Each structure stands twice: as C-alpha cells, then as structure tokens.
Full PDB file with SEQRES, HELIX, SHEET, SSBOND, CRYST1, ORIGX, SCALE, CONECT and MASTER records, all heavy atoms in Angstrom:
SEQRES   1 A   39  ASP LEU MET ASP LYS ASP LEU LYS ARG ILE CYS VAL ASN          
SEQRES   2 A   39  THR ASN GLU LEU LYS GLU LYS ILE SER GLU LYS LEU ARG          
SEQRES   3 A   39  ASN TRP ASN LYS GLU ASP ILE GLU VAL VAL CYS ASP VAL          
HELIX    1 AA1 ASN A   15  ASN A   27  1                                  13    
SHEET    1 AA1 2 ARG A   9  VAL A  12  0                                        
SHEET    2 AA1 2 GLU A  34  CYS A  37  1                                        
CRYST1    1.000    1.000    1.000  90.00  90.00  90.00 P 1           1          
ORIGX1      1.000000  0.000000  0.000000        0.00000                         
ORIGX2      0.000000  1.000000  0.000000        0.00000                         
ORIGX3      0.000000  0.000000  1.000000        0.00000                         
SCALE1      1.000000  0.000000  0.000000        0.00000                         
SCALE2      0.000000  1.000000  0.000000        0.00000                         
SCALE3      0.000000  0.000000  1.000000        0.00000                         
ATOM      1  N   ASP A   1      -4.063   4.701  10.650  1.00  0.00           N  
ATOM      2  CA  ASP A   1      -5.457   5.054  10.942  1.00  0.00           C  
ATOM      3  C   ASP A   1      -6.444   4.363  10.010  1.00  0.00           C  
ATOM      4  O   ASP A   1      -7.559   4.027  10.408  1.00  0.00           O  
ATOM      5  CB  ASP A   1      -5.656   6.572  10.825  1.00  0.00           C  
ATOM      6  CG  ASP A   1      -5.131   7.319  12.041  1.00  0.00           C  
ATOM      7  OD1 ASP A   1      -4.806   6.645  13.034  1.00  0.00           O  
ATOM      8  OD2 ASP A   1      -5.042   8.545  11.991  1.00  0.00           O  
ATOM      9  N   LEU A   2      -6.042   4.160   8.755  1.00  0.00           N  
ATOM     10  CA  LEU A   2      -7.006   3.707   7.742  1.00  0.00           C  
ATOM     11  C   LEU A   2      -6.929   2.228   7.382  1.00  0.00           C  
ATOM     12  O   LEU A   2      -7.905   1.671   6.881  1.00  0.00           O  
ATOM     13  CB  LEU A   2      -6.816   4.534   6.454  1.00  0.00           C  
ATOM     14  CG  LEU A   2      -7.162   6.021   6.532  1.00  0.00           C  
ATOM     15  CD1 LEU A   2      -6.821   6.691   5.198  1.00  0.00           C  
ATOM     16  CD2 LEU A   2      -8.626   6.231   6.860  1.00  0.00           C  
ATOM     17  N   MET A   3      -5.801   1.579   7.623  1.00  0.00           N  
ATOM     18  CA  MET A   3      -5.639   0.232   7.072  1.00  0.00           C  
ATOM     19  C   MET A   3      -6.594  -0.792   7.689  1.00  0.00           C  
ATOM     20  O   MET A   3      -6.878  -1.825   7.066  1.00  0.00           O  
ATOM     21  CB  MET A   3      -4.194  -0.241   7.219  1.00  0.00           C  
ATOM     22  CG  MET A   3      -3.709  -0.417   8.621  1.00  0.00           C  
ATOM     23  SD  MET A   3      -1.953  -0.865   8.606  1.00  0.00           S  
ATOM     24  CE  MET A   3      -1.625  -0.947  10.363  1.00  0.00           C  
ATOM     25  N   ASP A   4      -7.109  -0.503   8.870  1.00  0.00           N  
ATOM     26  CA  ASP A   4      -8.082  -1.414   9.475  1.00  0.00           C  
ATOM     27  C   ASP A   4      -9.514  -0.902   9.313  1.00  0.00           C  
ATOM     28  O   ASP A   4     -10.434  -1.365   9.990  1.00  0.00           O  
ATOM     29  CB  ASP A   4      -7.768  -1.613  10.962  1.00  0.00           C  
ATOM     30  CG  ASP A   4      -6.461  -2.375  11.168  1.00  0.00           C  
ATOM     31  OD1 ASP A   4      -6.324  -3.463  10.588  1.00  0.00           O  
ATOM     32  OD2 ASP A   4      -5.590  -1.870  11.894  1.00  0.00           O  
ATOM     33  N   LYS A   5      -9.696   0.086   8.427  1.00  0.00           N  
ATOM     34  CA  LYS A   5     -11.018   0.680   8.220  1.00  0.00           C  
ATOM     35  C   LYS A   5     -11.438   0.574   6.758  1.00  0.00           C  
ATOM     36  O   LYS A   5     -11.796   1.553   6.112  1.00  0.00           O  
ATOM     37  CB  LYS A   5     -11.014   2.137   8.690  1.00  0.00           C  
ATOM     38  CG  LYS A   5     -10.753   2.269  10.191  1.00  0.00           C  
ATOM     39  CD  LYS A   5     -10.648   3.717  10.629  1.00  0.00           C  
ATOM     40  CE  LYS A   5     -10.330   3.810  12.120  1.00  0.00           C  
ATOM     41  NZ  LYS A   5     -10.101   5.195  12.555  1.00  0.00           N  
ATOM     42  N   ASP A   6     -11.347  -0.638   6.232  1.00  0.00           N  
ATOM     43  CA  ASP A   6     -11.833  -0.971   4.884  1.00  0.00           C  
ATOM     44  C   ASP A   6     -11.074  -0.273   3.763  1.00  0.00           C  
ATOM     45  O   ASP A   6     -11.639  -0.041   2.680  1.00  0.00           O  
ATOM     46  CB  ASP A   6     -13.333  -0.662   4.754  1.00  0.00           C  
ATOM     47  CG  ASP A   6     -14.168  -1.475   5.726  1.00  0.00           C  
ATOM     48  OD1 ASP A   6     -13.841  -2.649   5.928  1.00  0.00           O  
ATOM     49  OD2 ASP A   6     -15.131  -0.928   6.288  1.00  0.00           O  
ATOM     50  N   LEU A   7      -9.811   0.074   3.982  1.00  0.00           N  
ATOM     51  CA  LEU A   7      -9.000   0.606   2.893  1.00  0.00           C  
ATOM     52  C   LEU A   7      -8.671  -0.533   1.931  1.00  0.00           C  
ATOM     53  O   LEU A   7      -8.136  -1.560   2.340  1.00  0.00           O  
ATOM     54  CB  LEU A   7      -7.711   1.229   3.438  1.00  0.00           C  
ATOM     55  CG  LEU A   7      -6.777   1.871   2.418  1.00  0.00           C  
ATOM     56  CD1 LEU A   7      -7.439   3.064   1.747  1.00  0.00           C  
ATOM     57  CD2 LEU A   7      -5.461   2.287   3.074  1.00  0.00           C  
ATOM     58  N   LYS A   8      -9.008  -0.354   0.648  1.00  0.00           N  
ATOM     59  CA  LYS A   8      -8.858  -1.437  -0.330  1.00  0.00           C  
ATOM     60  C   LYS A   8      -7.652  -1.267  -1.245  1.00  0.00           C  
ATOM     61  O   LYS A   8      -7.029  -2.247  -1.634  1.00  0.00           O  
ATOM     62  CB  LYS A   8     -10.118  -1.539  -1.196  1.00  0.00           C  
ATOM     63  CG  LYS A   8     -11.394  -1.819  -0.416  1.00  0.00           C  
ATOM     64  CD  LYS A   8     -11.350  -3.156   0.303  1.00  0.00           C  
ATOM     65  CE  LYS A   8     -12.665  -3.448   1.024  1.00  0.00           C  
ATOM     66  NZ  LYS A   8     -12.583  -4.697   1.826  1.00  0.00           N  
ATOM     67  N   ARG A   9      -7.344  -0.035  -1.616  1.00  0.00           N  
ATOM     68  CA  ARG A   9      -6.285   0.163  -2.612  1.00  0.00           C  
ATOM     69  C   ARG A   9      -5.523   1.450  -2.332  1.00  0.00           C  
ATOM     70  O   ARG A   9      -6.093   2.435  -1.872  1.00  0.00           O  
ATOM     71  CB  ARG A   9      -6.891   0.228  -4.018  1.00  0.00           C  
ATOM     72  CG  ARG A   9      -5.853   0.423  -5.137  1.00  0.00           C  
ATOM     73  CD  ARG A   9      -6.519   0.647  -6.480  1.00  0.00           C  
ATOM     74  NE  ARG A   9      -7.315  -0.502  -6.874  1.00  0.00           N  
ATOM     75  CZ  ARG A   9      -8.482  -0.420  -7.492  1.00  0.00           C  
ATOM     76  NH1 ARG A   9      -9.013   0.761  -7.749  1.00  0.00           N  
ATOM     77  NH2 ARG A   9      -9.135  -1.508  -7.833  1.00  0.00           N  
ATOM     78  N   ILE A  10      -4.226   1.421  -2.638  1.00  0.00           N  
ATOM     79  CA  ILE A  10      -3.384   2.609  -2.560  1.00  0.00           C  
ATOM     80  C   ILE A  10      -2.744   2.802  -3.923  1.00  0.00           C  
ATOM     81  O   ILE A  10      -2.099   1.891  -4.449  1.00  0.00           O  
ATOM     82  CB  ILE A  10      -2.290   2.460  -1.480  1.00  0.00           C  
ATOM     83  CG1 ILE A  10      -2.920   2.189  -0.104  1.00  0.00           C  
ATOM     84  CG2 ILE A  10      -1.417   3.711  -1.422  1.00  0.00           C  
ATOM     85  CD1 ILE A  10      -1.913   1.828   0.974  1.00  0.00           C  
ATOM     86  N   CYS A  11      -2.931   3.974  -4.507  1.00  0.00           N  
ATOM     87  CA  CYS A  11      -2.374   4.273  -5.825  1.00  0.00           C  
ATOM     88  C   CYS A  11      -1.296   5.343  -5.671  1.00  0.00           C  
ATOM     89  O   CYS A  11      -1.539   6.396  -5.089  1.00  0.00           O  
ATOM     90  CB  CYS A  11      -3.479   4.751  -6.775  1.00  0.00           C  
ATOM     91  SG  CYS A  11      -2.917   4.923  -8.488  1.00  0.00           S  
ATOM     92  N   VAL A  12      -0.103   5.064  -6.191  1.00  0.00           N  
ATOM     93  CA  VAL A  12       1.034   5.982  -6.067  1.00  0.00           C  
ATOM     94  C   VAL A  12       1.590   6.315  -7.451  1.00  0.00           C  
ATOM     95  O   VAL A  12       1.239   5.681  -8.437  1.00  0.00           O  
ATOM     96  CB  VAL A  12       2.139   5.370  -5.176  1.00  0.00           C  
ATOM     97  CG1 VAL A  12       1.605   5.044  -3.795  1.00  0.00           C  
ATOM     98  CG2 VAL A  12       2.703   4.103  -5.826  1.00  0.00           C  
ATOM     99  N   ASN A  13       2.482   7.311  -7.485  1.00  0.00           N  
ATOM    100  CA  ASN A  13       2.995   7.741  -8.793  1.00  0.00           C  
ATOM    101  C   ASN A  13       4.464   7.420  -9.020  1.00  0.00           C  
ATOM    102  O   ASN A  13       5.038   7.835 -10.024  1.00  0.00           O  
ATOM    103  CB  ASN A  13       2.752   9.245  -8.990  1.00  0.00           C  
ATOM    104  CG  ASN A  13       3.590  10.105  -8.047  1.00  0.00           C  
ATOM    105  OD1 ASN A  13       3.994   9.662  -6.969  1.00  0.00           O  
ATOM    106  ND2 ASN A  13       3.858  11.335  -8.453  1.00  0.00           N  
ATOM    107  N   THR A  14       5.093   6.696  -8.084  1.00  0.00           N  
ATOM    108  CA  THR A  14       6.476   6.254  -8.306  1.00  0.00           C  
ATOM    109  C   THR A  14       6.644   4.826  -7.802  1.00  0.00           C  
ATOM    110  O   THR A  14       6.005   4.423  -6.824  1.00  0.00           O  
ATOM    111  CB  THR A  14       7.502   7.157  -7.574  1.00  0.00           C  
ATOM    112  OG1 THR A  14       7.414   6.936  -6.155  1.00  0.00           O  
ATOM    113  CG2 THR A  14       7.277   8.629  -7.888  1.00  0.00           C  
ATOM    114  N   ASN A  15       7.533   4.086  -8.455  1.00  0.00           N  
ATOM    115  CA  ASN A  15       7.804   2.715  -8.027  1.00  0.00           C  
ATOM    116  C   ASN A  15       8.488   2.677  -6.660  1.00  0.00           C  
ATOM    117  O   ASN A  15       8.271   1.753  -5.877  1.00  0.00           O  
ATOM    118  CB  ASN A  15       8.682   2.006  -9.072  1.00  0.00           C  
ATOM    119  CG  ASN A  15       7.892   1.599 -10.303  1.00  0.00           C  
ATOM    120  OD1 ASN A  15       6.848   0.944 -10.195  1.00  0.00           O  
ATOM    121  ND2 ASN A  15       8.371   1.991 -11.479  1.00  0.00           N  
ATOM    122  N   GLU A  16       9.293   3.692  -6.393  1.00  0.00           N  
ATOM    123  CA  GLU A  16       9.968   3.770  -5.090  1.00  0.00           C  
ATOM    124  C   GLU A  16       8.947   3.885  -3.960  1.00  0.00           C  
ATOM    125  O   GLU A  16       9.064   3.219  -2.925  1.00  0.00           O  
ATOM    126  CB  GLU A  16      10.905   4.978  -5.074  1.00  0.00           C  
ATOM    127  CG  GLU A  16      11.677   5.130  -3.770  1.00  0.00           C  
ATOM    128  CD  GLU A  16      12.549   6.374  -3.751  1.00  0.00           C  
ATOM    129  OE1 GLU A  16      12.605   7.091  -4.771  1.00  0.00           O  
ATOM    130  OE2 GLU A  16      13.157   6.639  -2.696  1.00  0.00           O  
ATOM    131  N   LEU A  17       7.939   4.715  -4.174  1.00  0.00           N  
ATOM    132  CA  LEU A  17       6.889   4.885  -3.169  1.00  0.00           C  
ATOM    133  C   LEU A  17       6.065   3.611  -3.029  1.00  0.00           C  
ATOM    134  O   LEU A  17       5.659   3.237  -1.917  1.00  0.00           O  
ATOM    135  CB  LEU A  17       5.990   6.061  -3.559  1.00  0.00           C  
ATOM    136  CG  LEU A  17       4.993   6.578  -2.508  1.00  0.00           C  
ATOM    137  CD1 LEU A  17       5.692   6.923  -1.207  1.00  0.00           C  
ATOM    138  CD2 LEU A  17       4.253   7.795  -3.049  1.00  0.00           C  
ATOM    139  N   LYS A  18       5.841   2.931  -4.142  1.00  0.00           N  
ATOM    140  CA  LYS A  18       5.095   1.667  -4.100  1.00  0.00           C  
ATOM    141  C   LYS A  18       5.816   0.643  -3.225  1.00  0.00           C  
ATOM    142  O   LYS A  18       5.190  -0.027  -2.384  1.00  0.00           O  
ATOM    143  CB  LYS A  18       4.914   1.113  -5.513  1.00  0.00           C  
ATOM    144  CG  LYS A  18       4.180  -0.228  -5.544  1.00  0.00           C  
ATOM    145  CD  LYS A  18       4.116  -0.808  -6.939  1.00  0.00           C  
ATOM    146  CE  LYS A  18       3.450  -2.184  -6.909  1.00  0.00           C  
ATOM    147  NZ  LYS A  18       3.422  -2.819  -8.254  1.00  0.00           N  
ATOM    148  N   GLU A  19       7.131   0.523  -3.409  1.00  0.00           N  
ATOM    149  CA  GLU A  19       7.903  -0.431  -2.625  1.00  0.00           C  
ATOM    150  C   GLU A  19       7.927  -0.051  -1.145  1.00  0.00           C  
ATOM    151  O   GLU A  19       7.826  -0.906  -0.263  1.00  0.00           O  
ATOM    152  CB  GLU A  19       9.337  -0.516  -3.162  1.00  0.00           C  
ATOM    153  CG  GLU A  19       9.451  -1.253  -4.482  1.00  0.00           C  
ATOM    154  CD  GLU A  19       8.867  -2.654  -4.415  1.00  0.00           C  
ATOM    155  OE1 GLU A  19       9.192  -3.382  -3.448  1.00  0.00           O  
ATOM    156  OE2 GLU A  19       8.075  -3.015  -5.302  1.00  0.00           O  
ATOM    157  N   LYS A  20       8.044   1.243  -0.887  1.00  0.00           N  
ATOM    158  CA  LYS A  20       8.080   1.738   0.490  1.00  0.00           C  
ATOM    159  C   LYS A  20       6.787   1.403   1.227  1.00  0.00           C  
ATOM    160  O   LYS A  20       6.810   0.887   2.360  1.00  0.00           O  
ATOM    161  CB  LYS A  20       8.303   3.257   0.473  1.00  0.00           C  
ATOM    162  CG  LYS A  20       8.285   3.920   1.841  1.00  0.00           C  
ATOM    163  CD  LYS A  20       8.439   5.437   1.696  1.00  0.00           C  
ATOM    164  CE  LYS A  20       8.264   6.145   3.027  1.00  0.00           C  
ATOM    165  NZ  LYS A  20       8.374   7.626   2.875  1.00  0.00           N  
ATOM    166  N   ILE A  21       5.643   1.666   0.593  1.00  0.00           N  
ATOM    167  CA  ILE A  21       4.347   1.404   1.224  1.00  0.00           C  
ATOM    168  C   ILE A  21       4.094  -0.097   1.327  1.00  0.00           C  
ATOM    169  O   ILE A  21       3.583  -0.588   2.348  1.00  0.00           O  
ATOM    170  CB  ILE A  21       3.222   2.105   0.441  1.00  0.00           C  
ATOM    171  CG1 ILE A  21       3.357   3.628   0.602  1.00  0.00           C  
ATOM    172  CG2 ILE A  21       1.853   1.641   0.929  1.00  0.00           C  
ATOM    173  CD1 ILE A  21       2.377   4.424  -0.217  1.00  0.00           C  
ATOM    174  N   SER A  22       4.456  -0.847   0.293  1.00  0.00           N  
ATOM    175  CA  SER A  22       4.252  -2.301   0.306  1.00  0.00           C  
ATOM    176  C   SER A  22       5.007  -2.954   1.453  1.00  0.00           C  
ATOM    177  O   SER A  22       4.496  -3.862   2.117  1.00  0.00           O  
ATOM    178  CB  SER A  22       4.693  -2.912  -1.034  1.00  0.00           C  
ATOM    179  OG  SER A  22       3.903  -2.428  -2.094  1.00  0.00           O  
ATOM    180  N   GLU A  23       6.217  -2.467   1.706  1.00  0.00           N  
ATOM    181  CA  GLU A  23       7.014  -3.020   2.813  1.00  0.00           C  
ATOM    182  C   GLU A  23       6.354  -2.723   4.160  1.00  0.00           C  
ATOM    183  O   GLU A  23       6.306  -3.583   5.046  1.00  0.00           O  
ATOM    184  CB  GLU A  23       8.422  -2.427   2.782  1.00  0.00           C  
ATOM    185  CG  GLU A  23       9.320  -3.001   3.867  1.00  0.00           C  
ATOM    186  CD  GLU A  23      10.731  -2.441   3.837  1.00  0.00           C  
ATOM    187  OE1 GLU A  23      11.032  -1.646   2.923  1.00  0.00           O  
ATOM    188  OE2 GLU A  23      11.520  -2.792   4.733  1.00  0.00           O  
ATOM    189  N   LYS A  24       5.821  -1.509   4.313  1.00  0.00           N  
ATOM    190  CA  LYS A  24       5.137  -1.153   5.554  1.00  0.00           C  
ATOM    191  C   LYS A  24       3.932  -2.065   5.774  1.00  0.00           C  
ATOM    192  O   LYS A  24       3.688  -2.554   6.885  1.00  0.00           O  
ATOM    193  CB  LYS A  24       4.683   0.304   5.509  1.00  0.00           C  
ATOM    194  CG  LYS A  24       5.799   1.330   5.548  1.00  0.00           C  
ATOM    195  CD  LYS A  24       5.244   2.742   5.446  1.00  0.00           C  
ATOM    196  CE  LYS A  24       6.348   3.779   5.342  1.00  0.00           C  
ATOM    197  NZ  LYS A  24       7.199   3.861   6.548  1.00  0.00           N  
ATOM    198  N   LEU A  25       3.158  -2.301   4.709  1.00  0.00           N  
ATOM    199  CA  LEU A  25       1.967  -3.144   4.826  1.00  0.00           C  
ATOM    200  C   LEU A  25       2.333  -4.589   5.163  1.00  0.00           C  
ATOM    201  O   LEU A  25       1.621  -5.259   5.915  1.00  0.00           O  
ATOM    202  CB  LEU A  25       1.156  -3.090   3.522  1.00  0.00           C  
ATOM    203  CG  LEU A  25       0.524  -1.720   3.190  1.00  0.00           C  
ATOM    204  CD1 LEU A  25      -0.162  -1.777   1.835  1.00  0.00           C  
ATOM    205  CD2 LEU A  25      -0.464  -1.298   4.276  1.00  0.00           C  
ATOM    206  N   ARG A  26       3.456  -5.061   4.627  1.00  0.00           N  
ATOM    207  CA  ARG A  26       3.918  -6.419   4.960  1.00  0.00           C  
ATOM    208  C   ARG A  26       4.259  -6.512   6.450  1.00  0.00           C  
ATOM    209  O   ARG A  26       3.911  -7.488   7.118  1.00  0.00           O  
ATOM    210  CB  ARG A  26       5.146  -6.793   4.115  1.00  0.00           C  
ATOM    211  CG  ARG A  26       4.822  -7.191   2.681  1.00  0.00           C  
ATOM    212  CD  ARG A  26       6.006  -7.871   2.018  1.00  0.00           C  
ATOM    213  NE  ARG A  26       7.125  -6.947   1.833  1.00  0.00           N  
ATOM    214  CZ  ARG A  26       7.290  -6.166   0.753  1.00  0.00           C  
ATOM    215  NH1 ARG A  26       6.396  -6.201  -0.231  1.00  0.00           N  
ATOM    216  NH2 ARG A  26       8.328  -5.359   0.665  1.00  0.00           N  
ATOM    217  N   ASN A  27       4.913  -5.478   6.956  1.00  0.00           N  
ATOM    218  CA  ASN A  27       5.278  -5.469   8.376  1.00  0.00           C  
ATOM    219  C   ASN A  27       4.046  -5.427   9.279  1.00  0.00           C  
ATOM    220  O   ASN A  27       4.083  -5.894  10.412  1.00  0.00           O  
ATOM    221  CB  ASN A  27       6.173  -4.268   8.678  1.00  0.00           C  
ATOM    222  CG  ASN A  27       7.540  -4.386   8.026  1.00  0.00           C  
ATOM    223  OD1 ASN A  27       7.999  -5.488   7.733  1.00  0.00           O  
ATOM    224  ND2 ASN A  27       8.190  -3.254   7.790  1.00  0.00           N  
ATOM    225  N   TRP A  28       2.954  -4.847   8.766  1.00  0.00           N  
ATOM    226  CA  TRP A  28       1.708  -4.746   9.532  1.00  0.00           C  
ATOM    227  C   TRP A  28       0.731  -5.882   9.208  1.00  0.00           C  
ATOM    228  O   TRP A  28      -0.406  -5.874   9.669  1.00  0.00           O  
ATOM    229  CB  TRP A  28       1.022  -3.406   9.252  1.00  0.00           C  
ATOM    230  CG  TRP A  28       1.749  -2.222   9.807  1.00  0.00           C  
ATOM    231  CD1 TRP A  28       2.435  -2.164  10.988  1.00  0.00           C  
ATOM    232  CD2 TRP A  28       1.867  -0.921   9.219  1.00  0.00           C  
ATOM    233  NE1 TRP A  28       2.966  -0.905  11.169  1.00  0.00           N  
ATOM    234  CE2 TRP A  28       2.630  -0.114  10.109  1.00  0.00           C  
ATOM    235  CE3 TRP A  28       1.387  -0.341   8.031  1.00  0.00           C  
ATOM    236  CZ2 TRP A  28       2.930   1.225   9.827  1.00  0.00           C  
ATOM    237  CZ3 TRP A  28       1.695   0.993   7.770  1.00  0.00           C  
ATOM    238  CH2 TRP A  28       2.453   1.753   8.660  1.00  0.00           C  
ATOM    239  N   ASN A  29       1.175  -6.860   8.408  1.00  0.00           N  
ATOM    240  CA  ASN A  29       0.320  -7.982   7.996  1.00  0.00           C  
ATOM    241  C   ASN A  29      -0.962  -7.504   7.308  1.00  0.00           C  
ATOM    242  O   ASN A  29      -2.058  -8.034   7.547  1.00  0.00           O  
ATOM    243  CB  ASN A  29      -0.038  -8.865   9.209  1.00  0.00           C  
ATOM    244  CG  ASN A  29       1.174  -9.557   9.803  1.00  0.00           C  
ATOM    245  OD1 ASN A  29       2.028 -10.056   9.074  1.00  0.00           O  
ATOM    246  ND2 ASN A  29       1.255  -9.571  11.124  1.00  0.00           N  
ATOM    247  N   LYS A  30      -0.803  -6.514   6.435  1.00  0.00           N  
ATOM    248  CA  LYS A  30      -1.949  -5.988   5.684  1.00  0.00           C  
ATOM    249  C   LYS A  30      -1.686  -6.055   4.183  1.00  0.00           C  
ATOM    250  O   LYS A  30      -1.940  -5.118   3.424  1.00  0.00           O  
ATOM    251  CB  LYS A  30      -2.237  -4.545   6.109  1.00  0.00           C  
ATOM    252  CG  LYS A  30      -2.768  -4.393   7.510  1.00  0.00           C  
ATOM    253  CD  LYS A  30      -4.112  -5.072   7.714  1.00  0.00           C  
ATOM    254  CE  LYS A  30      -5.226  -4.429   6.936  1.00  0.00           C  
ATOM    255  NZ  LYS A  30      -6.552  -5.049   7.230  1.00  0.00           N  
ATOM    256  N   GLU A  31      -1.201  -7.212   3.735  1.00  0.00           N  
ATOM    257  CA  GLU A  31      -0.884  -7.388   2.318  1.00  0.00           C  
ATOM    258  C   GLU A  31      -2.132  -7.532   1.450  1.00  0.00           C  
ATOM    259  O   GLU A  31      -2.035  -7.601   0.218  1.00  0.00           O  
ATOM    260  CB  GLU A  31       0.029  -8.601   2.145  1.00  0.00           C  
ATOM    261  CG  GLU A  31       1.403  -8.399   2.782  1.00  0.00           C  
ATOM    262  CD  GLU A  31       2.277  -9.631   2.717  1.00  0.00           C  
ATOM    263  OE1 GLU A  31       2.918  -9.829   1.669  1.00  0.00           O  
ATOM    264  OE2 GLU A  31       2.297 -10.401   3.707  1.00  0.00           O  
ATOM    265  N   ASP A  32      -3.316  -7.591   2.090  1.00  0.00           N  
ATOM    266  CA  ASP A  32      -4.558  -7.659   1.323  1.00  0.00           C  
ATOM    267  C   ASP A  32      -4.909  -6.306   0.699  1.00  0.00           C  
ATOM    268  O   ASP A  32      -5.770  -6.227  -0.183  1.00  0.00           O  
ATOM    269  CB  ASP A  32      -5.718  -8.122   2.211  1.00  0.00           C  
ATOM    270  CG  ASP A  32      -5.903  -7.237   3.444  1.00  0.00           C  
ATOM    271  OD1 ASP A  32      -4.882  -6.852   4.040  1.00  0.00           O  
ATOM    272  OD2 ASP A  32      -7.053  -6.945   3.802  1.00  0.00           O  
ATOM    273  N   ILE A  33      -4.246  -5.230   1.133  1.00  0.00           N  
ATOM    274  CA  ILE A  33      -4.466  -3.912   0.532  1.00  0.00           C  
ATOM    275  C   ILE A  33      -3.621  -3.815  -0.738  1.00  0.00           C  
ATOM    276  O   ILE A  33      -2.396  -3.964  -0.700  1.00  0.00           O  
ATOM    277  CB  ILE A  33      -4.095  -2.777   1.506  1.00  0.00           C  
ATOM    278  CG1 ILE A  33      -4.980  -2.838   2.758  1.00  0.00           C  
ATOM    279  CG2 ILE A  33      -4.238  -1.420   0.825  1.00  0.00           C  
ATOM    280  CD1 ILE A  33      -4.603  -1.826   3.828  1.00  0.00           C  
ATOM    281  N   GLU A  34      -4.275  -3.572  -1.847  1.00  0.00           N  
ATOM    282  CA  GLU A  34      -3.594  -3.508  -3.138  1.00  0.00           C  
ATOM    283  C   GLU A  34      -2.818  -2.196  -3.272  1.00  0.00           C  
ATOM    284  O   GLU A  34      -3.333  -1.119  -2.956  1.00  0.00           O  
ATOM    285  CB  GLU A  34      -4.623  -3.610  -4.265  1.00  0.00           C  
ATOM    286  CG  GLU A  34      -4.021  -3.600  -5.663  1.00  0.00           C  
ATOM    287  CD  GLU A  34      -5.069  -3.599  -6.759  1.00  0.00           C  
ATOM    288  OE1 GLU A  34      -6.260  -3.383  -6.441  1.00  0.00           O  
ATOM    289  OE2 GLU A  34      -4.695  -3.809  -7.923  1.00  0.00           O  
ATOM    290  N   VAL A  35      -1.573  -2.291  -3.742  1.00  0.00           N  
ATOM    291  CA  VAL A  35      -0.761  -1.102  -3.993  1.00  0.00           C  
ATOM    292  C   VAL A  35      -0.393  -1.086  -5.475  1.00  0.00           C  
ATOM    293  O   VAL A  35       0.229  -2.021  -5.981  1.00  0.00           O  
ATOM    294  CB  VAL A  35       0.526  -1.092  -3.141  1.00  0.00           C  
ATOM    295  CG1 VAL A  35       1.294   0.219  -3.355  1.00  0.00           C  
ATOM    296  CG2 VAL A  35       0.209  -1.273  -1.666  1.00  0.00           C  
ATOM    297  N   VAL A  36      -0.805  -0.048  -6.177  1.00  0.00           N  
ATOM    298  CA  VAL A  36      -0.547   0.046  -7.622  1.00  0.00           C  
ATOM    299  C   VAL A  36       0.197   1.342  -7.921  1.00  0.00           C  
ATOM    300  O   VAL A  36       0.069   2.337  -7.209  1.00  0.00           O  
ATOM    301  CB  VAL A  36      -1.859  -0.006  -8.437  1.00  0.00           C  
ATOM    302  CG1 VAL A  36      -2.557  -1.333  -8.242  1.00  0.00           C  
ATOM    303  CG2 VAL A  36      -2.785   1.138  -8.069  1.00  0.00           C  
ATOM    304  N   CYS A  37       0.981   1.303  -8.998  1.00  0.00           N  
ATOM    305  CA  CYS A  37       1.742   2.477  -9.413  1.00  0.00           C  
ATOM    306  C   CYS A  37       1.244   2.943 -10.775  1.00  0.00           C  
ATOM    307  O   CYS A  37       1.106   2.148 -11.708  1.00  0.00           O  
ATOM    308  CB  CYS A  37       3.233   2.145  -9.481  1.00  0.00           C  
ATOM    309  SG  CYS A  37       4.258   3.532 -10.024  1.00  0.00           S  
ATOM    310  N   ASP A  38       0.964   4.220 -10.869  1.00  0.00           N  
ATOM    311  CA  ASP A  38       0.541   4.825 -12.127  1.00  0.00           C  
ATOM    312  C   ASP A  38       1.352   6.101 -12.298  1.00  0.00           C  
ATOM    313  O   ASP A  38       1.112   7.104 -11.635  1.00  0.00           O  
ATOM    314  CB  ASP A  38      -0.962   5.143 -12.085  1.00  0.00           C  
ATOM    315  CG  ASP A  38      -1.485   5.644 -13.425  1.00  0.00           C  
ATOM    316  OD1 ASP A  38      -0.656   5.980 -14.292  1.00  0.00           O  
ATOM    317  OD2 ASP A  38      -2.710   5.702 -13.592  1.00  0.00           O  
ATOM    318  N   VAL A  39       2.329   6.070 -13.202  1.00  0.00           N  
ATOM    319  CA  VAL A  39       3.227   7.215 -13.363  1.00  0.00           C  
ATOM    320  C   VAL A  39       2.571   8.348 -14.139  1.00  0.00           C  
ATOM    321  O   VAL A  39       3.091   9.463 -14.191  1.00  0.00           O  
ATOM    322  CB  VAL A  39       4.541   6.804 -14.065  1.00  0.00           C  
ATOM    323  CG1 VAL A  39       5.331   5.854 -13.198  1.00  0.00           C  
ATOM    324  CG2 VAL A  39       4.270   6.174 -15.424  1.00  0.00           C  
TER     325      VAL A  39                                                      
MASTER        0    0    0    1    2    0    0    6  324    1    0    3          
END                                                                             
C-alpha cells in the first residue's frame, strides 16, 4: 500500500527483519526505499 506513496525509509530492530524486507523490496523493484536496522 505504501511503497508507491512516497515511502522513503523503513527502520527495523533486527537484522533478520531488515533482510526480509530488503528482499521483498528487491522483488518489487523498490530498492530506492532505504532499510536501516537499529537494535
């Protein structure tokens, strides 16, 4: 719902979640959305 509506960054609290979301964004060709991990 949000990735085509000016979503700029996703902040997560685990590296596993970061990898999971990053892979989804790659499959959707939305690698311009920054994914950062802050434990």
